[in-house]
Amino acid sequence: MQYFQAVQEGKRRAAKSQMKMFEAAGFGMLTLTTKKTEGKFEPVGDEELVAVIESADGYVAIITDADGCTKAQSKAVSKEEAMAILGKLAGSGMDKYPGEEIRIWSETRPTVRD
């Protein structure tokens, strides 16, 4: 897949996740639209898994693909609020991300467990 095609498809997938985050949290920011696998760009995955990470400003609920690439995030909130957002998303049918860390922007962050 060419880079431009990967960006377009990834943007479509991430925007879908962003709207779900907006519905659950009242705010949803698009994060990654592409990822690099074996030297090739591809869109973020179609899967929607939910997790919470800690940021410099607080805790952030995120929607990620199966590889742990974030597609959408909430704003930074308290740990309790982030876990409540996670609960809403999980209640809507999303599974919790099973991995220990996710990739957001150019960083990897550990996931926060209950």
PDB file of N, CA and C in Angstrom:
ATOM      1  N   MET A   1       0.844  -1.177   0.000  1.00  0.00           N
ATOM      2  CA  MET A   1       0.000   0.000   0.000  1.00  0.00           C
ATOM      3  C   MET A   1       0.887   1.237   0.000  1.00  0.00           C
ATOM      4  N   GLN A   2       0.537   2.206  -0.801  1.00  0.00           N
ATOM      5  CA  GLN A   2       1.296   3.447  -0.844  1.00  0.00           C
ATOM      6  C   GLN A   2       0.995   4.279   0.405  1.00  0.00           C
ATOM      7  N   TYR A   3       1.949   5.139   0.763  1.00  0.00           N
ATOM      8  CA  TYR A   3       1.818   5.953   1.968  1.00  0.00           C
ATOM      9  C   TYR A   3       0.512   6.742   1.969  1.00  0.00           C
ATOM     10  N   PHE A   4       0.202   7.425   0.877  1.00  0.00           N
ATOM     11  CA  PHE A   4      -1.005   8.246   0.814  1.00  0.00           C
ATOM     12  C   PHE A   4      -2.254   7.400   1.063  1.00  0.00           C
ATOM     13  N   GLN A   5      -2.299   6.211   0.489  1.00  0.00           N
ATOM     14  CA  GLN A   5      -3.445   5.322   0.697  1.00  0.00           C
ATOM     15  C   GLN A   5      -3.536   4.883   2.159  1.00  0.00           C
ATOM     16  N   ALA A   6      -2.386   4.593   2.759  1.00  0.00           N
ATOM     17  CA  ALA A   6      -2.359   4.191   4.168  1.00  0.00           C
ATOM     18  C   ALA A   6      -2.873   5.319   5.058  1.00  0.00           C
ATOM     19  N   VAL A   7      -2.462   6.549   4.760  1.00  0.00           N
ATOM     20  CA  VAL A   7      -2.916   7.705   5.540  1.00  0.00           C
ATOM     21  C   VAL A   7      -4.427   7.867   5.417  1.00  0.00           C
ATOM     22  N   GLN A   8      -4.946   7.794   4.204  1.00  0.00           N
ATOM     23  CA  GLN A   8      -6.387   7.974   3.993  1.00  0.00           C
ATOM     24  C   GLN A   8      -7.208   6.906   4.711  1.00  0.00           C
ATOM     25  N   GLU A   9      -6.814   5.651   4.578  1.00  0.00           N
ATOM     26  CA  GLU A   9      -7.546   4.569   5.239  1.00  0.00           C
ATOM     27  C   GLU A   9      -7.391   4.665   6.757  1.00  0.00           C
ATOM     28  N   GLY A  10      -6.176   4.970   7.221  1.00  0.00           N
ATOM     29  CA  GLY A  10      -5.942   5.121   8.654  1.00  0.00           C
ATOM     30  C   GLY A  10      -6.741   6.269   9.243  1.00  0.00           C
ATOM     31  N   LYS A  11      -6.849   7.349   8.505  1.00  0.00           N
ATOM     32  CA  LYS A  11      -7.625   8.502   8.970  1.00  0.00           C
ATOM     33  C   LYS A  11      -9.099   8.125   9.114  1.00  0.00           C
ATOM     34  N   ARG A  12      -9.620   7.356   8.172  1.00  0.00           N
ATOM     35  CA  ARG A  12     -11.011   6.911   8.241  1.00  0.00           C
ATOM     36  C   ARG A  12     -11.236   6.037   9.483  1.00  0.00           C
ATOM     37  N   ARG A  13     -10.326   5.102   9.716  1.00  0.00           N
ATOM     38  CA  ARG A  13     -10.453   4.199  10.866  1.00  0.00           C
ATOM     39  C   ARG A  13     -10.319   4.951  12.188  1.00  0.00           C
ATOM     40  N   ALA A  14      -9.325   5.844  12.269  1.00  0.00           N
ATOM     41  CA  ALA A  14      -9.101   6.591  13.504  1.00  0.00           C
ATOM     42  C   ALA A  14     -10.245   7.565  13.779  1.00  0.00           C
ATOM     43  N   ALA A  15     -10.812   8.169  12.737  1.00  0.00           N
ATOM     44  CA  ALA A  15     -11.928   9.103  12.915  1.00  0.00           C
ATOM     45  C   ALA A  15     -13.146   8.386  13.496  1.00  0.00           C
ATOM     46  N   LYS A  16     -13.368   7.145  13.089  1.00  0.00           N
ATOM     47  CA  LYS A  16     -14.462   6.338  13.634  1.00  0.00           C
ATOM     48  C   LYS A  16     -14.253   6.132  15.141  1.00  0.00           C
ATOM     49  N   SER A  17     -13.024   5.835  15.528  1.00  0.00           N
ATOM     50  CA  SER A  17     -12.703   5.656  16.946  1.00  0.00           C
ATOM     51  C   SER A  17     -12.812   6.977  17.697  1.00  0.00           C
ATOM     52  N   GLN A  18     -12.408   8.061  17.058  1.00  0.00           N
ATOM     53  CA  GLN A  18     -12.487   9.383  17.675  1.00  0.00           C
ATOM     54  C   GLN A  18     -13.938   9.720  18.038  1.00  0.00           C
ATOM     55  N   MET A  19     -14.868   9.409  17.158  1.00  0.00           N
ATOM     56  CA  MET A  19     -16.277   9.699  17.431  1.00  0.00           C
ATOM     57  C   MET A  19     -16.800   8.859  18.600  1.00  0.00           C
ATOM     58  N   LYS A  20     -16.351   7.635  18.711  1.00  0.00           N
ATOM     59  CA  LYS A  20     -16.759   6.794  19.843  1.00  0.00           C
ATOM     60  C   LYS A  20     -16.189   7.340  21.151  1.00  0.00           C
ATOM     61  N   MET A  21     -14.949   7.826  21.099  1.00  0.00           N
ATOM     62  CA  MET A  21     -14.352   8.438  22.285  1.00  0.00           C
ATOM     63  C   MET A  21     -15.127   9.696  22.662  1.00  0.00           C
ATOM     64  N   PHE A  22     -15.486  10.495  21.668  1.00  0.00           N
ATOM     65  CA  PHE A  22     -16.247  11.715  21.922  1.00  0.00           C
ATOM     66  C   PHE A  22     -17.572  11.386  22.609  1.00  0.00           C
ATOM     67  N   GLU A  23     -18.244  10.351  22.140  1.00  0.00           N
ATOM     68  CA  GLU A  23     -19.521   9.949  22.739  1.00  0.00           C
ATOM     69  C   GLU A  23     -19.352   9.515  24.193  1.00  0.00           C
ATOM     70  N   ALA A  24     -18.266   8.835  24.504  1.00  0.00           N
ATOM     71  CA  ALA A  24     -18.044   8.321  25.861  1.00  0.00           C
ATOM     72  C   ALA A  24     -17.456   9.362  26.802  1.00  0.00           C
ATOM     73  N   ALA A  25     -16.603  10.249  26.276  1.00  0.00           N
ATOM     74  CA  ALA A  25     -15.846  11.153  27.139  1.00  0.00           C
ATOM     75  C   ALA A  25     -16.203  12.627  26.977  1.00  0.00           C
ATOM     76  N   GLY A  26     -16.956  12.974  25.944  1.00  0.00           N
ATOM     77  CA  GLY A  26     -17.251  14.383  25.690  1.00  0.00           C
ATOM     78  C   GLY A  26     -16.128  15.094  24.968  1.00  0.00           C
ATOM     79  N   PHE A  27     -15.052  14.375  24.693  1.00  0.00           N
ATOM     80  CA  PHE A  27     -13.897  14.908  23.966  1.00  0.00           C
ATOM     81  C   PHE A  27     -13.184  13.719  23.343  1.00  0.00           C
ATOM     82  N   GLY A  28     -12.761  13.866  22.115  1.00  0.00           N
ATOM     83  CA  GLY A  28     -12.002  12.804  21.463  1.00  0.00           C
ATOM     84  C   GLY A  28     -11.001  13.403  20.502  1.00  0.00           C
ATOM     85  N   MET A  29      -9.747  13.061  20.660  1.00  0.00           N
ATOM     86  CA  MET A  29      -8.701  13.578  19.780  1.00  0.00           C
ATOM     87  C   MET A  29      -8.136  12.429  18.948  1.00  0.00           C
ATOM     88  N   LEU A  30      -8.018  12.665  17.664  1.00  0.00           N
ATOM     89  CA  LEU A  30      -7.388  11.718  16.751  1.00  0.00           C
ATOM     90  C   LEU A  30      -5.902  11.635  17.092  1.00  0.00           C
ATOM     91  N   THR A  31      -5.334  10.443  17.107  1.00  0.00           N
ATOM     92  CA  THR A  31      -3.896  10.323  17.380  1.00  0.00           C
ATOM     93  C   THR A  31      -3.188   9.783  16.146  1.00  0.00           C
ATOM     94  N   LEU A  32      -2.889   8.506  16.093  1.00  0.00           N
ATOM     95  CA  LEU A  32      -2.153   7.957  14.955  1.00  0.00           C
ATOM     96  C   LEU A  32      -3.089   7.488  13.848  1.00  0.00           C
ATOM     97  N   THR A  33      -2.634   7.632  12.596  1.00  0.00           N
ATOM     98  CA  THR A  33      -3.406   7.126  11.456  1.00  0.00           C
ATOM     99  C   THR A  33      -2.639   6.044  10.703  1.00  0.00           C
ATOM    100  N   THR A  34      -1.318   6.005  10.867  1.00  0.00           N
ATOM    101  CA  THR A  34      -0.505   4.992  10.189  1.00  0.00           C
ATOM    102  C   THR A  34       0.475   4.361  11.170  1.00  0.00           C
ATOM    103  N   LYS A  35       0.982   3.214  10.785  1.00  0.00           N
ATOM    104  CA  LYS A  35       2.036   2.548  11.544  1.00  0.00           C
ATOM    105  C   LYS A  35       2.989   1.927  10.538  1.00  0.00           C
ATOM    106  N   LYS A  36       4.190   1.654  10.967  1.00  0.00           N
ATOM    107  CA  LYS A  36       5.199   1.081  10.086  1.00  0.00           C
ATOM    108  C   LYS A  36       5.451  -0.359  10.513  1.00  0.00           C
ATOM    109  N   THR A  37       5.250  -1.282   9.584  1.00  0.00           N
ATOM    110  CA  THR A  37       5.450  -2.702   9.834  1.00  0.00           C
ATOM    111  C   THR A  37       6.415  -3.241   8.793  1.00  0.00           C
ATOM    112  N   GLU A  38       7.527  -3.791   9.270  1.00  0.00           N
ATOM    113  CA  GLU A  38       8.558  -4.337   8.382  1.00  0.00           C
ATOM    114  C   GLU A  38       8.966  -3.326   7.313  1.00  0.00           C
ATOM    115  N   GLY A  39       9.112  -2.072   7.735  1.00  0.00           N
ATOM    116  CA  GLY A  39       9.573  -1.019   6.833  1.00  0.00           C
ATOM    117  C   GLY A  39       8.519  -0.449   5.906  1.00  0.00           C
ATOM    118  N   LYS A  40       7.278  -0.908   6.023  1.00  0.00           N
ATOM    119  CA  LYS A  40       6.212  -0.421   5.146  1.00  0.00           C
ATOM    120  C   LYS A  40       5.132   0.271   5.963  1.00  0.00           C
ATOM    121  N   PHE A  41       4.614   1.368   5.425  1.00  0.00           N
ATOM    122  CA  PHE A  41       3.520   2.062   6.087  1.00  0.00           C
ATOM    123  C   PHE A  41       2.213   1.333   5.822  1.00  0.00           C
ATOM    124  N   GLU A  42       1.397   1.251   6.856  1.00  0.00           N
ATOM    125  CA  GLU A  42       0.057   0.708   6.711  1.00  0.00           C
ATOM    126  C   GLU A  42      -0.870   1.477   7.638  1.00  0.00           C
ATOM    127  N   PRO A  43      -2.167   1.446   7.373  1.00  0.00           N
ATOM    128  CA  PRO A  43      -3.101   2.161   8.248  1.00  0.00           C
ATOM    129  C   PRO A  43      -3.183   1.488   9.612  1.00  0.00           C
ATOM    130  N   VAL A  44      -3.581   2.254  10.624  1.00  0.00           N
ATOM    131  CA  VAL A  44      -3.854   1.634  11.917  1.00  0.00           C
ATOM    132  C   VAL A  44      -4.938   0.585  11.704  1.00  0.00           C
ATOM    133  N   GLY A  45      -4.977  -0.393  12.579  1.00  0.00           N
ATOM    134  CA  GLY A  45      -5.921  -1.495  12.417  1.00  0.00           C
ATOM    135  C   GLY A  45      -7.373  -1.101  12.621  1.00  0.00           C
ATOM    136  N   ASP A  46      -8.246  -1.939  12.148  1.00  0.00           N
ATOM    137  CA  ASP A  46      -9.686  -1.737  12.301  1.00  0.00           C
ATOM    138  C   ASP A  46     -10.164  -2.041  13.723  1.00  0.00           C
ATOM    139  N   GLU A  47      -9.400  -2.834  14.463  1.00  0.00           N
ATOM    140  CA  GLU A  47      -9.804  -3.243  15.807  1.00  0.00           C
ATOM    141  C   GLU A  47      -9.940  -2.010  16.706  1.00  0.00           C
ATOM    142  N   GLU A  48     -10.827  -2.113  17.685  1.00  0.00           N
ATOM    143  CA  GLU A  48     -10.994  -1.045  18.670  1.00  0.00           C
ATOM    144  C   GLU A  48     -10.920  -1.653  20.060  1.00  0.00           C
ATOM    145  N   LEU A  49      -9.787  -1.422  20.706  1.00  0.00           N
ATOM    146  CA  LEU A  49      -9.544  -1.903  22.060  1.00  0.00           C
ATOM    147  C   LEU A  49      -9.318  -0.684  22.942  1.00  0.00           C
ATOM    148  N   VAL A  50      -9.669  -0.769  24.193  1.00  0.00           N
ATOM    149  CA  VAL A  50      -9.601   0.390  25.075  1.00  0.00           C
ATOM    150  C   VAL A  50      -8.598   0.153  26.200  1.00  0.00           C
ATOM    151  N   ALA A  51      -7.924   1.235  26.588  1.00  0.00           N
ATOM    152  CA  ALA A  51      -6.940   1.180  27.675  1.00  0.00           C
ATOM    153  C   ALA A  51      -6.845   2.559  28.317  1.00  0.00           C
ATOM    154  N   VAL A  52      -6.122   2.623  29.408  1.00  0.00           N
ATOM    155  CA  VAL A  52      -5.813   3.887  30.084  1.00  0.00           C
ATOM    156  C   VAL A  52      -4.308   3.954  30.242  1.00  0.00           C
ATOM    157  N   ILE A  53      -3.753   5.144  29.985  1.00  0.00           N
ATOM    158  CA  ILE A  53      -2.328   5.382  30.211  1.00  0.00           C
ATOM    159  C   ILE A  53      -2.174   6.621  31.085  1.00  0.00           C
ATOM    160  N   GLU A  54      -1.006   6.768  31.681  1.00  0.00           N
ATOM    161  CA  GLU A  54      -0.705   7.967  32.454  1.00  0.00           C
ATOM    162  C   GLU A  54       0.116   8.897  31.583  1.00  0.00           C
ATOM    163  N   SER A  55      -0.257  10.182  31.587  1.00  0.00           N
ATOM    164  CA  SER A  55       0.497  11.199  30.849  1.00  0.00           C
ATOM    165  C   SER A  55       1.045  12.207  31.852  1.00  0.00           C
ATOM    166  N   ALA A  56       1.782  13.171  31.372  1.00  0.00           N
ATOM    167  CA  ALA A  56       2.341  14.203  32.246  1.00  0.00           C
ATOM    168  C   ALA A  56       1.238  15.024  32.915  1.00  0.00           C
ATOM    169  N   ASP A  57       0.054  15.079  32.283  1.00  0.00           N
ATOM    170  CA  ASP A  57      -1.040  15.915  32.781  1.00  0.00           C
ATOM    171  C   ASP A  57      -2.132  15.142  33.511  1.00  0.00           C
ATOM    172  N   GLY A  58      -2.011  13.844  33.599  1.00  0.00           N
ATOM    173  CA  GLY A  58      -3.039  13.035  34.246  1.00  0.00           C
ATOM    174  C   GLY A  58      -3.181  11.692  33.556  1.00  0.00           C
ATOM    175  N   TYR A  59      -4.379  11.180  33.549  1.00  0.00           N
ATOM    176  CA  TYR A  59      -4.659   9.880  32.937  1.00  0.00           C
ATOM    177  C   TYR A  59      -5.494  10.080  31.677  1.00  0.00           C
ATOM    178  N   VAL A  60      -5.238   9.245  30.677  1.00  0.00           N
ATOM    179  CA  VAL A  60      -5.876   9.388  29.378  1.00  0.00           C
ATOM    180  C   VAL A  60      -6.471   8.040  28.973  1.00  0.00           C
ATOM    181  N   ALA A  61      -7.753   8.048  28.615  1.00  0.00           N
ATOM    182  CA  ALA A  61      -8.378   6.858  28.034  1.00  0.00           C
ATOM    183  C   ALA A  61      -8.045   6.854  26.549  1.00  0.00           C
ATOM    184  N   ILE A  62      -7.727   5.694  26.015  1.00  0.00           N
ATOM    185  CA  ILE A  62      -7.354   5.603  24.604  1.00  0.00           C
ATOM    186  C   ILE A  62      -8.077   4.444  23.927  1.00  0.00           C
ATOM    187  N   ILE A  63      -8.231   4.578  22.623  1.00  0.00           N
ATOM    188  CA  ILE A  63      -8.696   3.476  21.781  1.00  0.00           C
ATOM    189  C   ILE A  63      -7.520   3.110  20.891  1.00  0.00           C
ATOM    190  N   THR A  64      -7.189   1.841  20.878  1.00  0.00           N
ATOM    191  CA  THR A  64      -6.009   1.360  20.173  1.00  0.00           C
ATOM    192  C   THR A  64      -6.378   0.204  19.240  1.00  0.00           C
ATOM    193  N   ASP A  65      -5.489  -0.104  18.317  1.00  0.00           N
ATOM    194  CA  ASP A  65      -5.703  -1.291  17.480  1.00  0.00           C
ATOM    195  C   ASP A  65      -5.056  -2.500  18.165  1.00  0.00           C
ATOM    196  N   ALA A  66      -5.090  -3.643  17.538  1.00  0.00           N
ATOM    197  CA  ALA A  66      -4.566  -4.875  18.141  1.00  0.00           C
ATOM    198  C   ALA A  66      -3.063  -4.827  18.393  1.00  0.00           C
ATOM    199  N   ASP A  67      -2.343  -3.975  17.647  1.00  0.00           N
ATOM    200  CA  ASP A  67      -0.898  -3.839  17.829  1.00  0.00           C
ATOM    201  C   ASP A  67      -0.530  -2.804  18.883  1.00  0.00           C
ATOM    202  N   GLY A  68      -1.517  -2.159  19.501  1.00  0.00           N
ATOM    203  CA  GLY A  68      -1.247  -1.156  20.521  1.00  0.00           C
ATOM    204  C   GLY A  68      -0.968   0.226  19.974  1.00  0.00           C
ATOM    205  N   CYS A  69      -1.340   0.479  18.738  1.00  0.00           N
ATOM    206  CA  CYS A  69      -1.191   1.820  18.150  1.00  0.00           C
ATOM    207  C   CYS A  69      -2.458   2.609  18.447  1.00  0.00           C
ATOM    208  N   THR A  70      -2.306   3.747  19.110  1.00  0.00           N
ATOM    209  CA  THR A  70      -3.475   4.532  19.493  1.00  0.00           C
ATOM    210  C   THR A  70      -4.130   5.169  18.283  1.00  0.00           C
ATOM    211  N   LYS A  71      -5.446   5.219  18.328  1.00  0.00           N
ATOM    212  CA  LYS A  71      -6.215   5.834  17.248  1.00  0.00           C
ATOM    213  C   LYS A  71      -6.950   7.074  17.740  1.00  0.00           C
ATOM    214  N   ALA A  72      -7.346   7.077  19.017  1.00  0.00           N
ATOM    215  CA  ALA A  72      -8.064   8.209  19.592  1.00  0.00           C
ATOM    216  C   ALA A  72      -7.802   8.245  21.086  1.00  0.00           C
ATOM    217  N   GLN A  73      -7.942   9.439  21.664  1.00  0.00           N
ATOM    218  CA  GLN A  73      -7.714   9.591  23.097  1.00  0.00           C
ATOM    219  C   GLN A  73      -8.658  10.620  23.687  1.00  0.00           C
ATOM    220  N   SER A  74      -8.873  10.504  24.991  1.00  0.00           N
ATOM    221  CA  SER A  74      -9.610  11.513  25.742  1.00  0.00           C
ATOM    222  C   SER A  74      -8.630  12.618  26.119  1.00  0.00           C
ATOM    223  N   LYS A  75      -9.136  13.665  26.761  1.00  0.00           N
ATOM    224  CA  LYS A  75      -8.218  14.640  27.347  1.00  0.00           C
ATOM    225  C   LYS A  75      -7.706  14.060  28.665  1.00  0.00           C
ATOM    226  N   ALA A  76      -6.679  14.661  29.228  1.00  0.00           N
ATOM    227  CA  ALA A  76      -6.124  14.193  30.500  1.00  0.00           C
ATOM    228  C   ALA A  76      -7.120  14.495  31.617  1.00  0.00           C
ATOM    229  N   VAL A  77      -7.401  13.481  32.414  1.00  0.00           N
ATOM    230  CA  VAL A  77      -8.363  13.586  33.512  1.00  0.00           C
ATOM    231  C   VAL A  77      -7.794  12.835  34.718  1.00  0.00           C
ATOM    232  N   SER A  78      -8.572  12.779  35.794  1.00  0.00           N
ATOM    233  CA  SER A  78      -8.144  11.995  36.955  1.00  0.00           C
ATOM    234  C   SER A  78      -8.188  10.504  36.609  1.00  0.00           C
ATOM    235  N   LYS A  79      -7.515   9.707  37.421  1.00  0.00           N
ATOM    236  CA  LYS A  79      -7.508   8.263  37.185  1.00  0.00           C
ATOM    237  C   LYS A  79      -8.929   7.699  37.236  1.00  0.00           C
ATOM    238  N   GLU A  80      -9.723   8.179  38.192  1.00  0.00           N
ATOM    239  CA  GLU A  80     -11.095   7.692  38.331  1.00  0.00           C
ATOM    240  C   GLU A  80     -11.923   8.012  37.088  1.00  0.00           C
ATOM    241  N   GLU A  81     -11.778   9.233  36.560  1.00  0.00           N
ATOM    242  CA  GLU A  81     -12.516   9.617  35.353  1.00  0.00           C
ATOM    243  C   GLU A  81     -12.075   8.783  34.147  1.00  0.00           C
ATOM    244  N   ALA A  82     -10.769   8.575  34.011  1.00  0.00           N
ATOM    245  CA  ALA A  82     -10.257   7.782  32.889  1.00  0.00           C
ATOM    246  C   ALA A  82     -10.778   6.351  32.957  1.00  0.00           C
ATOM    247  N   MET A  83     -10.812   5.786  34.153  1.00  0.00           N
ATOM    248  CA  MET A  83     -11.318   4.418  34.308  1.00  0.00           C
ATOM    249  C   MET A  83     -12.829   4.363  34.039  1.00  0.00           C
ATOM    250  N   ALA A  84     -13.547   5.440  34.367  1.00  0.00           N
ATOM    251  CA  ALA A  84     -14.986   5.495  34.070  1.00  0.00           C
ATOM    252  C   ALA A  84     -15.216   5.541  32.560  1.00  0.00           C
ATOM    253  N   ILE A  85     -14.388   6.299  31.836  1.00  0.00           N
ATOM    254  CA  ILE A  85     -14.481   6.350  30.370  1.00  0.00           C
ATOM    255  C   ILE A  85     -14.183   4.967  29.797  1.00  0.00           C
ATOM    256  N   LEU A  86     -13.137   4.322  30.317  1.00  0.00           N
ATOM    257  CA  LEU A  86     -12.811   2.959  29.894  1.00  0.00           C
ATOM    258  C   LEU A  86     -14.018   2.044  30.105  1.00  0.00           C
ATOM    259  N   GLY A  87     -14.677   2.186  31.249  1.00  0.00           N
ATOM    260  CA  GLY A  87     -15.852   1.379  31.545  1.00  0.00           C
ATOM    261  C   GLY A  87     -16.990   1.615  30.562  1.00  0.00           C
ATOM    262  N   LYS A  88     -17.209   2.875  30.188  1.00  0.00           N
ATOM    263  CA  LYS A  88     -18.257   3.190  29.205  1.00  0.00           C
ATOM    264  C   LYS A  88     -17.943   2.553  27.857  1.00  0.00           C
ATOM    265  N   LEU A  89     -16.696   2.670  27.428  1.00  0.00           N
ATOM    266  CA  LEU A  89     -16.304   2.101  26.136  1.00  0.00           C
ATOM    267  C   LEU A  89     -16.379   0.575  26.165  1.00  0.00           C
ATOM    268  N   ALA A  90     -15.930  -0.013  27.270  1.00  0.00           N
ATOM    269  CA  ALA A  90     -16.019  -1.473  27.403  1.00  0.00           C
ATOM    270  C   ALA A  90     -17.486  -1.909  27.440  1.00  0.00           C
ATOM    271  N   GLY A  91     -18.323  -1.112  28.086  1.00  0.00           N
ATOM    272  CA  GLY A  91     -19.747  -1.411  28.148  1.00  0.00           C
ATOM    273  C   GLY A  91     -20.442  -1.319  26.800  1.00  0.00           C
ATOM    274  N   SER A  92     -19.832  -0.557  25.880  1.00  0.00           N
ATOM    275  CA  SER A  92     -20.412  -0.429  24.538  1.00  0.00           C
ATOM    276  C   SER A  92     -19.964  -1.564  23.615  1.00  0.00           C
ATOM    277  N   GLY A  93     -19.141  -2.472  24.157  1.00  0.00           N
ATOM    278  CA  GLY A  93     -18.736  -3.632  23.370  1.00  0.00           C
ATOM    279  C   GLY A  93     -17.256  -3.715  23.037  1.00  0.00           C
ATOM    280  N   MET A  94     -16.478  -2.713  23.413  1.00  0.00           N
ATOM    281  CA  MET A  94     -15.035  -2.771  23.144  1.00  0.00           C
ATOM    282  C   MET A  94     -14.346  -3.638  24.186  1.00  0.00           C
ATOM    283  N   ASP A  95     -13.387  -4.423  23.747  1.00  0.00           N
ATOM    284  CA  ASP A  95     -12.567  -5.205  24.668  1.00  0.00           C
ATOM    285  C   ASP A  95     -11.453  -4.329  25.216  1.00  0.00           C
ATOM    286  N   LYS A  96     -10.958  -4.700  26.396  1.00  0.00           N
ATOM    287  CA  LYS A  96      -9.802  -4.003  26.955  1.00  0.00           C
ATOM    288  C   LYS A  96      -8.546  -4.483  26.235  1.00  0.00           C
ATOM    289  N   TYR A  97      -7.628  -3.560  26.000  1.00  0.00           N
ATOM    290  CA  TYR A  97      -6.364  -3.909  25.361  1.00  0.00           C
ATOM    291  C   TYR A  97      -5.575  -4.805  26.317  1.00  0.00           C
ATOM    292  N   PRO A  98      -5.162  -5.998  25.880  1.00  0.00           N
ATOM    293  CA  PRO A  98      -4.509  -6.939  26.785  1.00  0.00           C
ATOM    294  C   PRO A  98      -3.012  -6.692  26.996  1.00  0.00           C
ATOM    295  N   GLY A  99      -2.394  -5.871  26.179  1.00  0.00           N
ATOM    296  CA  GLY A  99      -0.954  -5.667  26.252  1.00  0.00           C
ATOM    297  C   GLY A  99      -0.515  -4.818  27.427  1.00  0.00           C
ATOM    298  N   GLU A 100       0.770  -4.811  27.665  1.00  0.00           N
ATOM    299  CA  GLU A 100       1.357  -4.064  28.775  1.00  0.00           C
ATOM    300  C   GLU A 100       1.704  -2.623  28.417  1.00  0.00           C
ATOM    301  N   GLU A 101       1.865  -2.333  27.117  1.00  0.00           N
ATOM    302  CA  GLU A 101       2.175  -0.966  26.709  1.00  0.00           C
ATOM    303  C   GLU A 101       1.585  -0.683  25.336  1.00  0.00           C
ATOM    304  N   ILE A 102       1.400   0.606  25.074  1.00  0.00           N
ATOM    305  CA  ILE A 102       0.846   1.045  23.796  1.00  0.00           C
ATOM    306  C   ILE A 102       1.788   2.075  23.180  1.00  0.00           C
ATOM    307  N   ARG A 103       1.558   2.354  21.906  1.00  0.00           N
ATOM    308  CA  ARG A 103       2.348   3.380  21.219  1.00  0.00           C
ATOM    309  C   ARG A 103       1.452   4.581  20.957  1.00  0.00           C
ATOM    310  N   ILE A 104       1.880   5.727  21.465  1.00  0.00           N
ATOM    311  CA  ILE A 104       1.169   6.975  21.222  1.00  0.00           C
ATOM    312  C   ILE A 104       2.189   7.995  20.752  1.00  0.00           C
ATOM    313  N   TRP A 105       1.906   8.588  19.605  1.00  0.00           N
ATOM    314  CA  TRP A 105       2.846   9.470  18.920  1.00  0.00           C
ATOM    315  C   TRP A 105       4.157   8.707  18.719  1.00  0.00           C
ATOM    316  N   SER A 106       5.267   9.217  19.225  1.00  0.00           N
ATOM    317  CA  SER A 106       6.546   8.523  19.027  1.00  0.00           C
ATOM    318  C   SER A 106       7.010   7.813  20.299  1.00  0.00           C
ATOM    319  N   GLU A 107       6.119   7.686  21.264  1.00  0.00           N
ATOM    320  CA  GLU A 107       6.468   7.099  22.557  1.00  0.00           C
ATOM    321  C   GLU A 107       5.712   5.793  22.795  1.00  0.00           C
ATOM    322  N   THR A 108       6.253   4.990  23.689  1.00  0.00           N
ATOM    323  CA  THR A 108       5.483   3.858  24.206  1.00  0.00           C
ATOM    324  C   THR A 108       5.197   4.153  25.672  1.00  0.00           C
ATOM    325  N   ARG A 109       4.009   3.803  26.112  1.00  0.00           N
ATOM    326  CA  ARG A 109       3.594   4.052  27.494  1.00  0.00           C
ATOM    327  C   ARG A 109       2.995   2.781  28.078  1.00  0.00           C
ATOM    328  N   PRO A 110       3.249   2.521  29.356  1.00  0.00           N
ATOM    329  CA  PRO A 110       2.618   1.357  29.983  1.00  0.00           C
ATOM    330  C   PRO A 110       1.123   1.600  30.177  1.00  0.00           C
ATOM    331  N   THR A 111       0.351   0.547  30.086  1.00  0.00           N
ATOM    332  CA  THR A 111      -1.081   0.668  30.343  1.00  0.00           C
ATOM    333  C   THR A 111      -1.323   0.631  31.847  1.00  0.00           C
ATOM    334  N   VAL A 112      -2.360   1.318  32.285  1.00  0.00           N
ATOM    335  CA  VAL A 112      -2.739   1.365  33.697  1.00  0.00           C
ATOM    336  C   VAL A 112      -3.785   0.287  33.930  1.00  0.00           C
ATOM    337  N   ARG A 113      -3.573  -0.511  34.928  1.00  0.00           N
ATOM    338  CA  ARG A 113      -4.525  -1.571  35.282  1.00  0.00           C
ATOM    339  C   ARG A 113      -5.391  -1.101  36.440  1.00  0.00           C
ATOM    340  N   ASP A 114      -6.564  -1.724  36.580  1.00  0.00           N
ATOM    341  CA  ASP A 114      -7.509  -1.367  37.656  1.00  0.00           C
ATOM    342  C   ASP A 114      -6.842  -1.386  39.005  1.00  0.00           C
TER     343      ASP A 114
END
